[in-house]
């Protein structure tokens, strides 16, 4: 989200916490992410994560 407007979607390909690979990071903790997206992420953007399940 940029200025409260969704500008695109992507997929989290990798996640790190304390420079180590991680499967999850608790809210409020810093992390690094490898993201597959068609847009360029800029400082100040808000990333919202959710799980999509196929039926």
PDB file of N, CA and C in Angstrom:
ATOM      1  N   UNK A   1       0.863  -1.157   0.000  1.00  0.00           N
ATOM      2  CA  UNK A   1       0.000   0.000   0.000  1.00  0.00           C
ATOM      3  C   UNK A   1       0.913   1.223   0.000  1.00  0.00           C
ATOM      4  N   UNK A   2       0.523   2.162  -0.797  1.00  0.00           N
ATOM      5  CA  UNK A   2       1.240   3.429  -0.838  1.00  0.00           C
ATOM      6  C   UNK A   2       0.197   4.530  -0.699  1.00  0.00           C
ATOM      7  N   UNK A   3       0.320   5.300   0.363  1.00  0.00           N
ATOM      8  CA  UNK A   3      -0.656   6.360   0.662  1.00  0.00           C
ATOM      9  C   UNK A   3      -2.080   5.795   0.693  1.00  0.00           C
ATOM     10  N   UNK A   4      -2.251   4.657   1.383  1.00  0.00           N
ATOM     11  CA  UNK A   4      -3.550   3.994   1.577  1.00  0.00           C
ATOM     12  C   UNK A   4      -4.180   3.467   0.291  1.00  0.00           C
ATOM     13  N   UNK A   5      -3.382   3.275  -0.769  1.00  0.00           N
ATOM     14  CA  UNK A   5      -3.889   2.734  -2.028  1.00  0.00           C
ATOM     15  C   UNK A   5      -3.083   1.481  -2.376  1.00  0.00           C
ATOM     16  N   UNK A   6      -3.784   0.376  -2.690  1.00  0.00           N
ATOM     17  CA  UNK A   6      -3.080  -0.838  -3.108  1.00  0.00           C
ATOM     18  C   UNK A   6      -2.469  -0.592  -4.477  1.00  0.00           C
ATOM     19  N   UNK A   7      -1.149  -0.799  -4.598  1.00  0.00           N
ATOM     20  CA  UNK A   7      -0.471  -0.555  -5.869  1.00  0.00           C
ATOM     21  C   UNK A   7      -0.046  -1.845  -6.563  1.00  0.00           C
ATOM     22  N   UNK A   8      -0.194  -2.973  -5.894  1.00  0.00           N
ATOM     23  CA  UNK A   8       0.161  -4.239  -6.514  1.00  0.00           C
ATOM     24  C   UNK A   8       0.169  -5.372  -5.510  1.00  0.00           C
ATOM     25  N   UNK A   9       0.393  -6.564  -6.047  1.00  0.00           N
ATOM     26  CA  UNK A   9       0.489  -7.765  -5.214  1.00  0.00           C
ATOM     27  C   UNK A   9       1.726  -8.531  -5.624  1.00  0.00           C
ATOM     28  N   UNK A  10       2.214  -9.342  -4.708  1.00  0.00           N
ATOM     29  CA  UNK A  10       3.396 -10.148  -4.974  1.00  0.00           C
ATOM     30  C   UNK A  10       3.388 -11.379  -4.100  1.00  0.00           C
ATOM     31  N   UNK A  11       4.503 -12.085  -4.115  1.00  0.00           N
ATOM     32  CA  UNK A  11       4.622 -13.316  -3.340  1.00  0.00           C
ATOM     33  C   UNK A  11       5.924 -13.267  -2.550  1.00  0.00           C
ATOM     34  N   UNK A  12       5.856 -13.626  -1.268  1.00  0.00           N
ATOM     35  CA  UNK A  12       7.057 -13.697  -0.442  1.00  0.00           C
ATOM     36  C   UNK A  12       7.782 -14.992  -0.803  1.00  0.00           C
ATOM     37  N   UNK A  13       8.978 -14.866  -1.374  1.00  0.00           N
ATOM     38  CA  UNK A  13       9.765 -16.028  -1.789  1.00  0.00           C
ATOM     39  C   UNK A  13      10.722 -16.491  -0.696  1.00  0.00           C
ATOM     40  N   UNK A  14      11.123 -15.590   0.194  1.00  0.00           N
ATOM     41  CA  UNK A  14      12.048 -15.945   1.265  1.00  0.00           C
ATOM     42  C   UNK A  14      11.916 -14.973   2.418  1.00  0.00           C
ATOM     43  N   UNK A  15      12.273 -15.436   3.607  1.00  0.00           N
ATOM     44  CA  UNK A  15      12.127 -14.636   4.824  1.00  0.00           C
ATOM     45  C   UNK A  15      13.345 -14.878   5.704  1.00  0.00           C
ATOM     46  N   UNK A  16      13.882 -13.792   6.290  1.00  0.00           N
ATOM     47  CA  UNK A  16      15.023 -13.902   7.196  1.00  0.00           C
ATOM     48  C   UNK A  16      14.758 -13.126   8.471  1.00  0.00           C
ATOM     49  N   UNK A  17      15.266 -13.646   9.563  1.00  0.00           N
ATOM     50  CA  UNK A  17      15.222 -12.964  10.857  1.00  0.00           C
ATOM     51  C   UNK A  17      16.596 -13.121  11.493  1.00  0.00           C
ATOM     52  N   UNK A  18      17.205 -12.031  11.924  1.00  0.00           N
ATOM     53  CA  UNK A  18      18.566 -12.069  12.486  1.00  0.00           C
ATOM     54  C   UNK A  18      19.551 -12.681  11.485  1.00  0.00           C
ATOM     55  N   UNK A  19      19.351 -12.397  10.182  1.00  0.00           N
ATOM     56  CA  UNK A  19      20.203 -12.889   9.084  1.00  0.00           C
ATOM     57  C   UNK A  19      20.169 -14.407   8.913  1.00  0.00           C
ATOM     58  N   UNK A  20      19.162 -15.062   9.499  1.00  0.00           N
ATOM     59  CA  UNK A  20      18.985 -16.503   9.353  1.00  0.00           C
ATOM     60  C   UNK A  20      17.652 -16.778   8.664  1.00  0.00           C
ATOM     61  N   UNK A  21      17.580 -17.818   7.817  1.00  0.00           N
ATOM     62  CA  UNK A  21      16.299 -18.163   7.193  1.00  0.00           C
ATOM     63  C   UNK A  21      15.227 -18.399   8.253  1.00  0.00           C
ATOM     64  N   UNK A  22      14.007 -17.939   7.962  1.00  0.00           N
ATOM     65  CA  UNK A  22      12.907 -18.090   8.920  1.00  0.00           C
ATOM     66  C   UNK A  22      11.637 -18.485   8.182  1.00  0.00           C
ATOM     67  N   UNK A  23      10.750 -19.181   8.879  1.00  0.00           N
ATOM     68  CA  UNK A  23       9.437 -19.528   8.333  1.00  0.00           C
ATOM     69  C   UNK A  23       8.390 -18.508   8.743  1.00  0.00           C
ATOM     70  N   UNK A  24       8.638 -17.813   9.888  1.00  0.00           N
ATOM     71  CA  UNK A  24       7.713 -16.777  10.336  1.00  0.00           C
ATOM     72  C   UNK A  24       8.468 -15.772  11.196  1.00  0.00           C
ATOM     73  N   UNK A  25       7.923 -14.562  11.275  1.00  0.00           N
ATOM     74  CA  UNK A  25       8.472 -13.496  12.114  1.00  0.00           C
ATOM     75  C   UNK A  25       7.295 -12.873  12.844  1.00  0.00           C
ATOM     76  N   UNK A  26       7.407 -12.763  14.147  1.00  0.00           N
ATOM     77  CA  UNK A  26       6.312 -12.213  14.951  1.00  0.00           C
ATOM     78  C   UNK A  26       6.153 -10.711  14.697  1.00  0.00           C
ATOM     79  N   UNK A  27       4.938 -10.238  14.843  1.00  0.00           N
ATOM     80  CA  UNK A  27       4.617  -8.826  14.653  1.00  0.00           C
ATOM     81  C   UNK A  27       5.511  -7.954  15.526  1.00  0.00           C
ATOM     82  N   UNK A  28       6.011  -6.862  14.949  1.00  0.00           N
ATOM     83  CA  UNK A  28       6.846  -5.921  15.683  1.00  0.00           C
ATOM     84  C   UNK A  28       8.337  -6.193  15.566  1.00  0.00           C
ATOM     85  N   UNK A  29       8.723  -7.340  15.000  1.00  0.00           N
ATOM     86  CA  UNK A  29      10.134  -7.680  14.826  1.00  0.00           C
ATOM     87  C   UNK A  29      10.583  -7.357  13.408  1.00  0.00           C
ATOM     88  N   UNK A  30      11.850  -6.958  13.268  1.00  0.00           N
ATOM     89  CA  UNK A  30      12.396  -6.671  11.950  1.00  0.00           C
ATOM     90  C   UNK A  30      12.707  -7.966  11.217  1.00  0.00           C
ATOM     91  N   UNK A  31      12.628  -7.895   9.878  1.00  0.00           N
ATOM     92  CA  UNK A  31      12.951  -9.061   9.066  1.00  0.00           C
ATOM     93  C   UNK A  31      13.379  -8.599   7.682  1.00  0.00           C
ATOM     94  N   UNK A  32      13.927  -9.531   6.930  1.00  0.00           N
ATOM     95  CA  UNK A  32      14.250  -9.304   5.532  1.00  0.00           C
ATOM     96  C   UNK A  32      13.386 -10.218   4.689  1.00  0.00           C
ATOM     97  N   UNK A  33      12.950  -9.717   3.519  1.00  0.00           N
ATOM     98  CA  UNK A  33      12.082 -10.512   2.653  1.00  0.00           C
ATOM     99  C   UNK A  33      12.567 -10.464   1.215  1.00  0.00           C
ATOM    100  N   UNK A  34      12.481 -11.601   0.539  1.00  0.00           N
ATOM    101  CA  UNK A  34      12.648 -11.662  -0.907  1.00  0.00           C
ATOM    102  C   UNK A  34      11.237 -11.706  -1.466  1.00  0.00           C
ATOM    103  N   UNK A  35      10.884 -10.701  -2.259  1.00  0.00           N
ATOM    104  CA  UNK A  35       9.515 -10.592  -2.752  1.00  0.00           C
ATOM    105  C   UNK A  35       9.505 -10.623  -4.271  1.00  0.00           C
ATOM    106  N   UNK A  36       8.637 -11.457  -4.842  1.00  0.00           N
ATOM    107  CA  UNK A  36       8.416 -11.520  -6.280  1.00  0.00           C
ATOM    108  C   UNK A  36       7.215 -10.631  -6.580  1.00  0.00           C
ATOM    109  N   UNK A  37       7.478  -9.450  -7.141  1.00  0.00           N
ATOM    110  CA  UNK A  37       6.399  -8.500  -7.433  1.00  0.00           C
ATOM    111  C   UNK A  37       6.733  -7.736  -8.706  1.00  0.00           C
ATOM    112  N   UNK A  38       5.709  -7.250  -9.381  1.00  0.00           N
ATOM    113  CA  UNK A  38       5.906  -6.494 -10.613  1.00  0.00           C
ATOM    114  C   UNK A  38       6.116  -5.007 -10.357  1.00  0.00           C
ATOM    115  N   UNK A  39       5.948  -4.583  -9.119  1.00  0.00           N
ATOM    116  CA  UNK A  39       6.144  -3.174  -8.776  1.00  0.00           C
ATOM    117  C   UNK A  39       7.403  -3.040  -7.925  1.00  0.00           C
ATOM    118  N   UNK A  40       7.959  -1.840  -7.890  1.00  0.00           N
ATOM    119  CA  UNK A  40       9.126  -1.588  -7.050  1.00  0.00           C
ATOM    120  C   UNK A  40       8.653  -1.090  -5.697  1.00  0.00           C
ATOM    121  N   UNK A  41       9.123  -1.735  -4.652  1.00  0.00           N
ATOM    122  CA  UNK A  41       8.749  -1.345  -3.291  1.00  0.00           C
ATOM    123  C   UNK A  41       9.604  -0.156  -2.887  1.00  0.00           C
ATOM    124  N   UNK A  42       8.970   0.860  -2.311  1.00  0.00           N
ATOM    125  CA  UNK A  42       9.665   2.087  -1.908  1.00  0.00           C
ATOM    126  C   UNK A  42       9.569   2.269  -0.400  1.00  0.00           C
ATOM    127  N   UNK A  43      10.477   3.052   0.150  1.00  0.00           N
ATOM    128  CA  UNK A  43      10.435   3.373   1.568  1.00  0.00           C
ATOM    129  C   UNK A  43       9.097   3.992   1.930  1.00  0.00           C
ATOM    130  N   UNK A  44       8.523   3.579   3.028  1.00  0.00           N
ATOM    131  CA  UNK A  44       7.223   4.088   3.453  1.00  0.00           C
ATOM    132  C   UNK A  44       6.048   3.242   2.998  1.00  0.00           C
ATOM    133  N   UNK A  45       6.273   2.318   2.053  1.00  0.00           N
ATOM    134  CA  UNK A  45       5.200   1.421   1.622  1.00  0.00           C
ATOM    135  C   UNK A  45       4.820   0.501   2.779  1.00  0.00           C
ATOM    136  N   UNK A  46       3.566   0.097   2.820  1.00  0.00           N
ATOM    137  CA  UNK A  46       3.077  -0.832   3.834  1.00  0.00           C
ATOM    138  C   UNK A  46       2.830  -2.171   3.150  1.00  0.00           C
ATOM    139  N   UNK A  47       3.448  -3.228   3.692  1.00  0.00           N
ATOM    140  CA  UNK A  47       3.259  -4.573   3.149  1.00  0.00           C
ATOM    141  C   UNK A  47       2.295  -5.329   4.036  1.00  0.00           C
ATOM    142  N   UNK A  48       1.253  -5.881   3.434  1.00  0.00           N
ATOM    143  CA  UNK A  48       0.280  -6.692   4.165  1.00  0.00           C
ATOM    144  C   UNK A  48       0.440  -8.124   3.690  1.00  0.00           C
ATOM    145  N   UNK A  49       0.588  -9.059   4.620  1.00  0.00           N
ATOM    146  CA  UNK A  49       0.772 -10.469   4.266  1.00  0.00           C
ATOM    147  C   UNK A  49      -0.466 -11.268   4.650  1.00  0.00           C
ATOM    148  N   UNK A  50      -0.813 -12.226   3.794  1.00  0.00           N
ATOM    149  CA  UNK A  50      -1.939 -13.112   4.071  1.00  0.00           C
ATOM    150  C   UNK A  50      -1.686 -14.431   3.367  1.00  0.00           C
ATOM    151  N   UNK A  51      -2.396 -15.463   3.777  1.00  0.00           N
ATOM    152  CA  UNK A  51      -2.263 -16.797   3.199  1.00  0.00           C
ATOM    153  C   UNK A  51      -3.448 -17.041   2.280  1.00  0.00           C
ATOM    154  N   UNK A  52      -3.161 -17.542   1.074  1.00  0.00           N
ATOM    155  CA  UNK A  52      -4.228 -17.907   0.141  1.00  0.00           C
ATOM    156  C   UNK A  52      -4.281 -19.426   0.065  1.00  0.00           C
ATOM    157  N   UNK A  53      -5.449 -19.999   0.296  1.00  0.00           N
ATOM    158  CA  UNK A  53      -5.652 -21.441   0.214  1.00  0.00           C
ATOM    159  C   UNK A  53      -6.472 -21.756  -1.021  1.00  0.00           C
ATOM    160  N   UNK A  54      -6.017 -22.743  -1.808  1.00  0.00           N
ATOM    161  CA  UNK A  54      -6.782 -23.175  -2.973  1.00  0.00           C
ATOM    162  C   UNK A  54      -7.783 -24.229  -2.556  1.00  0.00           C
ATOM    163  N   UNK A  55      -8.947 -24.212  -3.169  1.00  0.00           N
ATOM    164  CA  UNK A  55      -9.985 -25.211  -2.877  1.00  0.00           C
ATOM    165  C   UNK A  55     -10.087 -26.196  -3.997  1.00  0.00           C
TER     166      UNK A  55
END
